Amino acid sequence: MRDRQKLGAVLWPSFFVAVVASVLFFAFFDPLDLQRIGFPQHAISRGLGYTAGFFLAWLGTFCACSVTALLLRAPGGDEEPPLE
């Protein structure tokens, strides 16, 4: 149960930030223009560009949130100290 809570605590903020980042990024840049600049030999649809951009943003923010969760761990693991 605790591992699922940790995963949810990393997935939800990373998803939310990826949504906001995608909206802001694609408000200024068209995926088809980016495709023409970066990969002119490959044809993609606008929807695929939005999808790929969102998942790349989610992956990046997931990695950042994972590192934050790793740094917030208590030294010595998740074990509670014994009661005396």
PDB file of N, CA and C in Angstrom:
ATOM      1  N   MET A   1       0.823  -1.194   0.000  1.00  0.00           N
ATOM      2  CA  MET A   1       0.000   0.000   0.000  1.00  0.00           C
ATOM      3  C   MET A   1       0.864   1.254   0.000  1.00  0.00           C
ATOM      4  N   ARG A   2       1.903   1.255   0.801  1.00  0.00           N
ATOM      5  CA  ARG A   2       2.754   2.439   0.913  1.00  0.00           C
ATOM      6  C   ARG A   2       3.491   2.723  -0.394  1.00  0.00           C
ATOM      7  N   ASP A   3       3.882   1.674  -1.110  1.00  0.00           N
ATOM      8  CA  ASP A   3       4.566   1.869  -2.395  1.00  0.00           C
ATOM      9  C   ASP A   3       3.630   2.492  -3.425  1.00  0.00           C
ATOM     10  N   ARG A   4       2.355   2.090  -3.406  1.00  0.00           N
ATOM     11  CA  ARG A   4       1.384   2.688  -4.333  1.00  0.00           C
ATOM     12  C   ARG A   4       1.154   4.155  -4.005  1.00  0.00           C
ATOM     13  N   GLN A   5       1.168   4.492  -2.733  1.00  0.00           N
ATOM     14  CA  GLN A   5       1.023   5.889  -2.340  1.00  0.00           C
ATOM     15  C   GLN A   5       2.212   6.713  -2.824  1.00  0.00           C
ATOM     16  N   LYS A   6       3.399   6.163  -2.708  1.00  0.00           N
ATOM     17  CA  LYS A   6       4.594   6.866  -3.177  1.00  0.00           C
ATOM     18  C   LYS A   6       4.550   7.052  -4.690  1.00  0.00           C
ATOM     19  N   LEU A   7       4.146   6.009  -5.398  1.00  0.00           N
ATOM     20  CA  LEU A   7       4.040   6.106  -6.848  1.00  0.00           C
ATOM     21  C   LEU A   7       3.001   7.149  -7.241  1.00  0.00           C
ATOM     22  N   GLY A   8       1.872   7.156  -6.560  1.00  0.00           N
ATOM     23  CA  GLY A   8       0.851   8.159  -6.827  1.00  0.00           C
ATOM     24  C   GLY A   8       1.322   9.566  -6.507  1.00  0.00           C
ATOM     25  N   ALA A   9       2.126   9.685  -5.454  1.00  0.00           N
ATOM     26  CA  ALA A   9       2.655  10.999  -5.070  1.00  0.00           C
ATOM     27  C   ALA A   9       3.668  11.519  -6.085  1.00  0.00           C
ATOM     28  N   VAL A  10       4.215  10.643  -6.898  1.00  0.00           N
ATOM     29  CA  VAL A  10       5.145  11.058  -7.956  1.00  0.00           C
ATOM     30  C   VAL A  10       4.407  11.219  -9.282  1.00  0.00           C
ATOM     31  N   LEU A  11       3.490  10.299  -9.591  1.00  0.00           N
ATOM     32  CA  LEU A  11       2.792  10.341 -10.879  1.00  0.00           C
ATOM     33  C   LEU A  11       1.832  11.525 -11.007  1.00  0.00           C
ATOM     34  N   TRP A  12       1.076  11.814  -9.954  1.00  0.00           N
ATOM     35  CA  TRP A  12       0.067  12.870 -10.070  1.00  0.00           C
ATOM     36  C   TRP A  12       0.693  14.243 -10.293  1.00  0.00           C
ATOM     37  N   PRO A  13       1.671  14.690  -9.493  1.00  0.00           N
ATOM     38  CA  PRO A  13       2.244  16.021  -9.764  1.00  0.00           C
ATOM     39  C   PRO A  13       2.953  16.076 -11.109  1.00  0.00           C
ATOM     40  N   SER A  14       3.602  14.979 -11.496  1.00  0.00           N
ATOM     41  CA  SER A  14       4.288  14.998 -12.787  1.00  0.00           C
ATOM     42  C   SER A  14       3.284  15.072 -13.934  1.00  0.00           C
ATOM     43  N   PHE A  15       2.150  14.398 -13.810  1.00  0.00           N
ATOM     44  CA  PHE A  15       1.100  14.472 -14.820  1.00  0.00           C
ATOM     45  C   PHE A  15       0.558  15.892 -14.907  1.00  0.00           C
ATOM     46  N   PHE A  16       0.257  16.490 -13.767  1.00  0.00           N
ATOM     47  CA  PHE A  16      -0.308  17.841 -13.739  1.00  0.00           C
ATOM     48  C   PHE A  16       0.648  18.851 -14.364  1.00  0.00           C
ATOM     49  N   VAL A  17       1.915  18.774 -14.021  1.00  0.00           N
ATOM     50  CA  VAL A  17       2.898  19.709 -14.580  1.00  0.00           C
ATOM     51  C   VAL A  17       3.069  19.469 -16.079  1.00  0.00           C
ATOM     52  N   ALA A  18       3.033  18.215 -16.511  1.00  0.00           N
ATOM     53  CA  ALA A  18       3.149  17.915 -17.940  1.00  0.00           C
ATOM     54  C   ALA A  18       1.967  18.485 -18.721  1.00  0.00           C
ATOM     55  N   VAL A  19       0.784  18.433 -18.146  1.00  0.00           N
ATOM     56  CA  VAL A  19      -0.388  19.016 -18.804  1.00  0.00           C
ATOM     57  C   VAL A  19      -0.194  20.520 -18.974  1.00  0.00           C
ATOM     58  N   VAL A  20       0.180  21.191 -17.900  1.00  0.00           N
ATOM     59  CA  VAL A  20       0.367  22.642 -17.959  1.00  0.00           C
ATOM     60  C   VAL A  20       1.505  23.003 -18.917  1.00  0.00           C
ATOM     61  N   ALA A  21       2.602  22.274 -18.847  1.00  0.00           N
ATOM     62  CA  ALA A  21       3.743  22.547 -19.736  1.00  0.00           C
ATOM     63  C   ALA A  21       3.366  22.329 -21.200  1.00  0.00           C
ATOM     64  N   SER A  22       2.611  21.278 -21.478  1.00  0.00           N
ATOM     65  CA  SER A  22       2.196  21.010 -22.860  1.00  0.00           C
ATOM     66  C   SER A  22       1.279  22.106 -23.387  1.00  0.00           C
ATOM     67  N   VAL A  23       0.342  22.523 -22.572  1.00  0.00           N
ATOM     68  CA  VAL A  23      -0.576  23.584 -22.995  1.00  0.00           C
ATOM     69  C   VAL A  23       0.201  24.857 -23.300  1.00  0.00           C
ATOM     70  N   LEU A  24       1.104  25.232 -22.400  1.00  0.00           N
ATOM     71  CA  LEU A  24       1.874  26.460 -22.606  1.00  0.00           C
ATOM     72  C   LEU A  24       2.811  26.339 -23.806  1.00  0.00           C
ATOM     73  N   PHE A  25       3.487  25.208 -23.945  1.00  0.00           N
ATOM     74  CA  PHE A  25       4.424  25.029 -25.048  1.00  0.00           C
ATOM     75  C   PHE A  25       3.706  25.048 -26.394  1.00  0.00           C
ATOM     76  N   PHE A  26       2.618  24.288 -26.492  1.00  0.00           N
ATOM     77  CA  PHE A  26       1.931  24.182 -27.774  1.00  0.00           C
ATOM     78  C   PHE A  26       1.034  25.381 -28.063  1.00  0.00           C
ATOM     79  N   ALA A  27       0.896  26.280 -27.119  1.00  0.00           N
ATOM     80  CA  ALA A  27       0.214  27.542 -27.405  1.00  0.00           C
ATOM     81  C   ALA A  27       1.076  28.414 -28.312  1.00  0.00           C
ATOM     82  N   PHE A  28       2.388  28.194 -28.276  1.00  0.00           N
ATOM     83  CA  PHE A  28       3.314  29.012 -29.060  1.00  0.00           C
ATOM     84  C   PHE A  28       3.946  28.267 -30.238  1.00  0.00           C
ATOM     85  N   PHE A  29       4.003  26.941 -30.168  1.00  0.00           N
ATOM     86  CA  PHE A  29       4.672  26.151 -31.201  1.00  0.00           C
ATOM     87  C   PHE A  29       3.719  25.110 -31.779  1.00  0.00           C
ATOM     88  N   ASP A  30       3.739  24.998 -33.101  1.00  0.00           N
ATOM     89  CA  ASP A  30       2.926  24.006 -33.805  1.00  0.00           C
ATOM     90  C   ASP A  30       3.757  22.747 -34.006  1.00  0.00           C
ATOM     91  N   PRO A  31       3.227  21.572 -33.661  1.00  0.00           N
ATOM     92  CA  PRO A  31       3.992  20.342 -33.840  1.00  0.00           C
ATOM     93  C   PRO A  31       4.442  20.106 -35.286  1.00  0.00           C
ATOM     94  N   LEU A  32       3.631  20.530 -36.251  1.00  0.00           N
ATOM     95  CA  LEU A  32       4.020  20.317 -37.649  1.00  0.00           C
ATOM     96  C   LEU A  32       5.208  21.205 -38.040  1.00  0.00           C
ATOM     97  N   ASP A  33       5.275  22.418 -37.499  1.00  0.00           N
ATOM     98  CA  ASP A  33       6.445  23.262 -37.749  1.00  0.00           C
ATOM     99  C   ASP A  33       7.695  22.668 -37.113  1.00  0.00           C
ATOM    100  N   LEU A  34       7.558  22.128 -35.908  1.00  0.00           N
ATOM    101  CA  LEU A  34       8.697  21.493 -35.245  1.00  0.00           C
ATOM    102  C   LEU A  34       9.158  20.255 -36.012  1.00  0.00           C
ATOM    103  N   GLN A  35       8.200  19.518 -36.554  1.00  0.00           N
ATOM    104  CA  GLN A  35       8.543  18.327 -37.342  1.00  0.00           C
ATOM    105  C   GLN A  35       9.304  18.719 -38.598  1.00  0.00           C
ATOM    106  N   ARG A  36       8.882  19.780 -39.262  1.00  0.00           N
ATOM    107  CA  ARG A  36       9.566  20.226 -40.487  1.00  0.00           C
ATOM    108  C   ARG A  36      10.990  20.680 -40.200  1.00  0.00           C
ATOM    109  N   ILE A  37      11.208  21.268 -39.036  1.00  0.00           N
ATOM    110  CA  ILE A  37      12.548  21.736 -38.669  1.00  0.00           C
ATOM    111  C   ILE A  37      13.433  20.572 -38.231  1.00  0.00           C
ATOM    112  N   GLY A  38      12.902  19.710 -37.377  1.00  0.00           N
ATOM    113  CA  GLY A  38      13.717  18.650 -36.777  1.00  0.00           C
ATOM    114  C   GLY A  38      13.801  17.366 -37.560  1.00  0.00           C
ATOM    115  N   PHE A  39      12.700  16.931 -38.138  1.00  0.00           N
ATOM    116  CA  PHE A  39      12.638  15.644 -38.836  1.00  0.00           C
ATOM    117  C   PHE A  39      11.919  15.808 -40.168  1.00  0.00           C
ATOM    118  N   PRO A  40      12.515  16.492 -41.118  1.00  0.00           N
ATOM    119  CA  PRO A  40      11.799  16.751 -42.378  1.00  0.00           C
ATOM    120  C   PRO A  40      11.505  15.495 -43.190  1.00  0.00           C
ATOM    121  N   GLN A  41      12.255  14.419 -42.972  1.00  0.00           N
ATOM    122  CA  GLN A  41      12.044  13.194 -43.754  1.00  0.00           C
ATOM    123  C   GLN A  41      10.888  12.359 -43.214  1.00  0.00           C
ATOM    124  N   HIS A  42      10.389  12.671 -42.005  1.00  0.00           N
ATOM    125  CA  HIS A  42       9.293  11.908 -41.406  1.00  0.00           C
ATOM    126  C   HIS A  42       8.014  12.740 -41.399  1.00  0.00           C
ATOM    127  N   ALA A  43       6.934  12.118 -41.796  1.00  0.00           N
ATOM    128  CA  ALA A  43       5.628  12.791 -41.770  1.00  0.00           C
ATOM    129  C   ALA A  43       4.878  12.341 -40.525  1.00  0.00           C
ATOM    130  N   ILE A  44       4.429  13.301 -39.721  1.00  0.00           N
ATOM    131  CA  ILE A  44       3.626  12.988 -38.540  1.00  0.00           C
ATOM    132  C   ILE A  44       2.365  13.844 -38.571  1.00  0.00           C
ATOM    133  N   SER A  45       1.378  13.400 -37.833  1.00  0.00           N
ATOM    134  CA  SER A  45       0.162  14.200 -37.721  1.00  0.00           C
ATOM    135  C   SER A  45       0.309  15.176 -36.556  1.00  0.00           C
ATOM    136  N   ARG A  46      -0.527  16.164 -36.550  1.00  0.00           N
ATOM    137  CA  ARG A  46      -0.509  17.142 -35.461  1.00  0.00           C
ATOM    138  C   ARG A  46      -0.830  16.458 -34.129  1.00  0.00           C
ATOM    139  N   GLY A  47      -1.790  15.537 -34.145  1.00  0.00           N
ATOM    140  CA  GLY A  47      -2.162  14.814 -32.930  1.00  0.00           C
ATOM    141  C   GLY A  47      -1.018  13.985 -32.367  1.00  0.00           C
ATOM    142  N   LEU A  48      -0.261  13.338 -33.247  1.00  0.00           N
ATOM    143  CA  LEU A  48       0.901  12.571 -32.794  1.00  0.00           C
ATOM    144  C   LEU A  48       1.953  13.494 -32.188  1.00  0.00           C
ATOM    145  N   GLY A  49       2.107  14.667 -32.748  1.00  0.00           N
ATOM    146  CA  GLY A  49       3.054  15.639 -32.195  1.00  0.00           C
ATOM    147  C   GLY A  49       2.646  16.095 -30.808  1.00  0.00           C
ATOM    148  N   TYR A  50       1.353  16.374 -30.624  1.00  0.00           N
ATOM    149  CA  TYR A  50       0.862  16.749 -29.297  1.00  0.00           C
ATOM    150  C   TYR A  50       1.050  15.610 -28.295  1.00  0.00           C
ATOM    151  N   THR A  51       0.742  14.393 -28.733  1.00  0.00           N
ATOM    152  CA  THR A  51       0.864  13.236 -27.854  1.00  0.00           C
ATOM    153  C   THR A  51       2.312  12.994 -27.456  1.00  0.00           C
ATOM    154  N   ALA A  52       3.211  13.010 -28.439  1.00  0.00           N
ATOM    155  CA  ALA A  52       4.624  12.796 -28.145  1.00  0.00           C
ATOM    156  C   ALA A  52       5.167  13.896 -27.235  1.00  0.00           C
ATOM    157  N   GLY A  53       4.771  15.137 -27.493  1.00  0.00           N
ATOM    158  CA  GLY A  53       5.211  16.242 -26.651  1.00  0.00           C
ATOM    159  C   GLY A  53       4.728  16.096 -25.224  1.00  0.00           C
ATOM    160  N   PHE A  54       3.467  15.685 -25.051  1.00  0.00           N
ATOM    161  CA  PHE A  54       2.928  15.492 -23.705  1.00  0.00           C
ATOM    162  C   PHE A  54       3.685  14.393 -22.970  1.00  0.00           C
ATOM    163  N   PHE A  55       3.882  13.249 -23.632  1.00  0.00           N
ATOM    164  CA  PHE A  55       4.559  12.146 -22.941  1.00  0.00           C
ATOM    165  C   PHE A  55       6.029  12.460 -22.664  1.00  0.00           C
ATOM    166  N   LEU A  56       6.668  13.219 -23.524  1.00  0.00           N
ATOM    167  CA  LEU A  56       8.041  13.639 -23.216  1.00  0.00           C
ATOM    168  C   LEU A  56       8.063  14.591 -22.017  1.00  0.00           C
ATOM    169  N   ALA A  57       7.104  15.498 -21.946  1.00  0.00           N
ATOM    170  CA  ALA A  57       7.009  16.391 -20.793  1.00  0.00           C
ATOM    171  C   ALA A  57       6.699  15.591 -19.532  1.00  0.00           C
ATOM    172  N   TRP A  58       5.831  14.586 -19.648  1.00  0.00           N
ATOM    173  CA  TRP A  58       5.494  13.760 -18.485  1.00  0.00           C
ATOM    174  C   TRP A  58       6.713  12.965 -18.024  1.00  0.00           C
ATOM    175  N   LEU A  59       7.467  12.425 -18.965  1.00  0.00           N
ATOM    176  CA  LEU A  59       8.669  11.672 -18.615  1.00  0.00           C
ATOM    177  C   LEU A  59       9.683  12.571 -17.898  1.00  0.00           C
ATOM    178  N   GLY A  60       9.876  13.772 -18.412  1.00  0.00           N
ATOM    179  CA  GLY A  60      10.821  14.689 -17.786  1.00  0.00           C
ATOM    180  C   GLY A  60      10.395  15.098 -16.389  1.00  0.00           C
ATOM    181  N   THR A  61       9.125  15.418 -16.223  1.00  0.00           N
ATOM    182  CA  THR A  61       8.658  15.822 -14.896  1.00  0.00           C
ATOM    183  C   THR A  61       8.564  14.631 -13.947  1.00  0.00           C
ATOM    184  N   PHE A  62       8.300  13.431 -14.483  1.00  0.00           N
ATOM    185  CA  PHE A  62       8.311  12.224 -13.650  1.00  0.00           C
ATOM    186  C   PHE A  62       9.714  11.981 -13.098  1.00  0.00           C
ATOM    187  N   CYS A  63      10.729  12.154 -13.938  1.00  0.00           N
ATOM    188  CA  CYS A  63      12.110  11.986 -13.467  1.00  0.00           C
ATOM    189  C   CYS A  63      12.448  13.016 -12.393  1.00  0.00           C
ATOM    190  N   ALA A  64      12.029  14.259 -12.597  1.00  0.00           N
ATOM    191  CA  ALA A  64      12.298  15.299 -11.609  1.00  0.00           C
ATOM    192  C   ALA A  64      11.582  15.005 -10.291  1.00  0.00           C
ATOM    193  N   CYS A  65      10.325  14.585 -10.363  1.00  0.00           N
ATOM    194  CA  CYS A  65       9.585  14.259  -9.144  1.00  0.00           C
ATOM    195  C   CYS A  65      10.159  13.025  -8.455  1.00  0.00           C
ATOM    196  N   SER A  66      10.652  12.076  -9.223  1.00  0.00           N
ATOM    197  CA  SER A  66      11.259  10.876  -8.647  1.00  0.00           C
ATOM    198  C   SER A  66      12.529  11.220  -7.885  1.00  0.00           C
ATOM    199  N   VAL A  67      13.335  12.095  -8.442  1.00  0.00           N
ATOM    200  CA  VAL A  67      14.554  12.511  -7.748  1.00  0.00           C
ATOM    201  C   VAL A  67      14.196  13.252  -6.461  1.00  0.00           C
ATOM    202  N   THR A  68      13.173  14.095  -6.515  1.00  0.00           N
ATOM    203  CA  THR A  68      12.731  14.795  -5.311  1.00  0.00           C
ATOM    204  C   THR A  68      12.259  13.804  -4.250  1.00  0.00           C
ATOM    205  N   ALA A  69      11.480  12.807  -4.647  1.00  0.00           N
ATOM    206  CA  ALA A  69      11.013  11.791  -3.704  1.00  0.00           C
ATOM    207  C   ALA A  69      12.187  11.007  -3.130  1.00  0.00           C
ATOM    208  N   LEU A  70      13.171  10.732  -3.948  1.00  0.00           N
ATOM    209  CA  LEU A  70      14.352  10.017  -3.484  1.00  0.00           C
ATOM    210  C   LEU A  70      15.118  10.849  -2.456  1.00  0.00           C
ATOM    211  N   LEU A  71      15.240  12.138  -2.704  1.00  0.00           N
ATOM    212  CA  LEU A  71      15.964  13.005  -1.781  1.00  0.00           C
ATOM    213  C   LEU A  71      15.200  13.254  -0.483  1.00  0.00           C
ATOM    214  N   LEU A  72      13.887  13.095  -0.491  1.00  0.00           N
ATOM    215  CA  LEU A  72      13.092  13.307   0.714  1.00  0.00           C
ATOM    216  C   LEU A  72      13.021  12.073   1.604  1.00  0.00           C
ATOM    217  N   ARG A  73      13.550  10.958   1.148  1.00  0.00           N
ATOM    218  CA  ARG A  73      13.530   9.744   1.969  1.00  0.00           C
ATOM    219  C   ARG A  73      14.347   9.952   3.231  1.00  0.00           C
ATOM    220  N   ALA A  74      13.916   9.308   4.286  1.00  0.00           N
ATOM    221  CA  ALA A  74      14.676   9.364   5.525  1.00  0.00           C
ATOM    222  C   ALA A  74      15.950   8.525   5.385  1.00  0.00           C
ATOM    223  N   PRO A  75      17.042   8.978   5.973  1.00  0.00           N
ATOM    224  CA  PRO A  75      18.268   8.173   5.892  1.00  0.00           C
ATOM    225  C   PRO A  75      18.053   6.813   6.560  1.00  0.00           C
ATOM    226  N   GLY A  76      18.569   5.787   5.934  1.00  0.00           N
ATOM    227  CA  GLY A  76      18.434   4.444   6.497  1.00  0.00           C
ATOM    228  C   GLY A  76      17.175   3.724   6.069  1.00  0.00           C
ATOM    229  N   GLY A  77      16.443   4.259   5.130  1.00  0.00           N
ATOM    230  CA  GLY A  77      15.246   3.577   4.633  1.00  0.00           C
ATOM    231  C   GLY A  77      13.971   4.114   5.258  1.00  0.00           C
ATOM    232  N   ASP A  78      12.890   3.380   5.056  1.00  0.00           N
ATOM    233  CA  ASP A  78      11.568   3.797   5.520  1.00  0.00           C
ATOM    234  C   ASP A  78      11.195   3.190   6.857  1.00  0.00           C
ATOM    235  N   GLU A  79      12.120   2.543   7.506  1.00  0.00           N
ATOM    236  CA  GLU A  79      11.797   1.870   8.758  1.00  0.00           C
ATOM    237  C   GLU A  79      11.633   2.887   9.871  1.00  0.00           C
ATOM    238  N   GLU A  80      10.670   2.631  10.720  1.00  0.00           N
ATOM    239  CA  GLU A  80      10.465   3.473  11.894  1.00  0.00           C
ATOM    240  C   GLU A  80      11.480   3.072  12.948  1.00  0.00           C
ATOM    241  N   PRO A  81      12.002   4.022  13.705  1.00  0.00           N
ATOM    242  CA  PRO A  81      12.933   3.638  14.775  1.00  0.00           C
ATOM    243  C   PRO A  81      12.192   2.851  15.860  1.00  0.00           C
ATOM    244  N   PRO A  82      12.867   1.905  16.473  1.00  0.00           N
ATOM    245  CA  PRO A  82      12.186   1.107  17.506  1.00  0.00           C
ATOM    246  C   PRO A  82      11.817   1.965  18.714  1.00  0.00           C
ATOM    247  N   LEU A  83      10.692   1.628  19.327  1.00  0.00           N
ATOM    248  CA  LEU A  83      10.253   2.332  20.529  1.00  0.00           C
ATOM    249  C   LEU A  83      11.006   1.773  21.734  1.00  0.00           C
ATOM    250  N   GLU A  84      11.386   2.641  22.611  1.00  0.00           N
ATOM    251  CA  GLU A  84      12.088   2.186  23.823  1.00  0.00           C
ATOM    252  C   GLU A  84      11.307   2.493  25.044  1.00  0.00           C
TER     253      GLU A  84
END
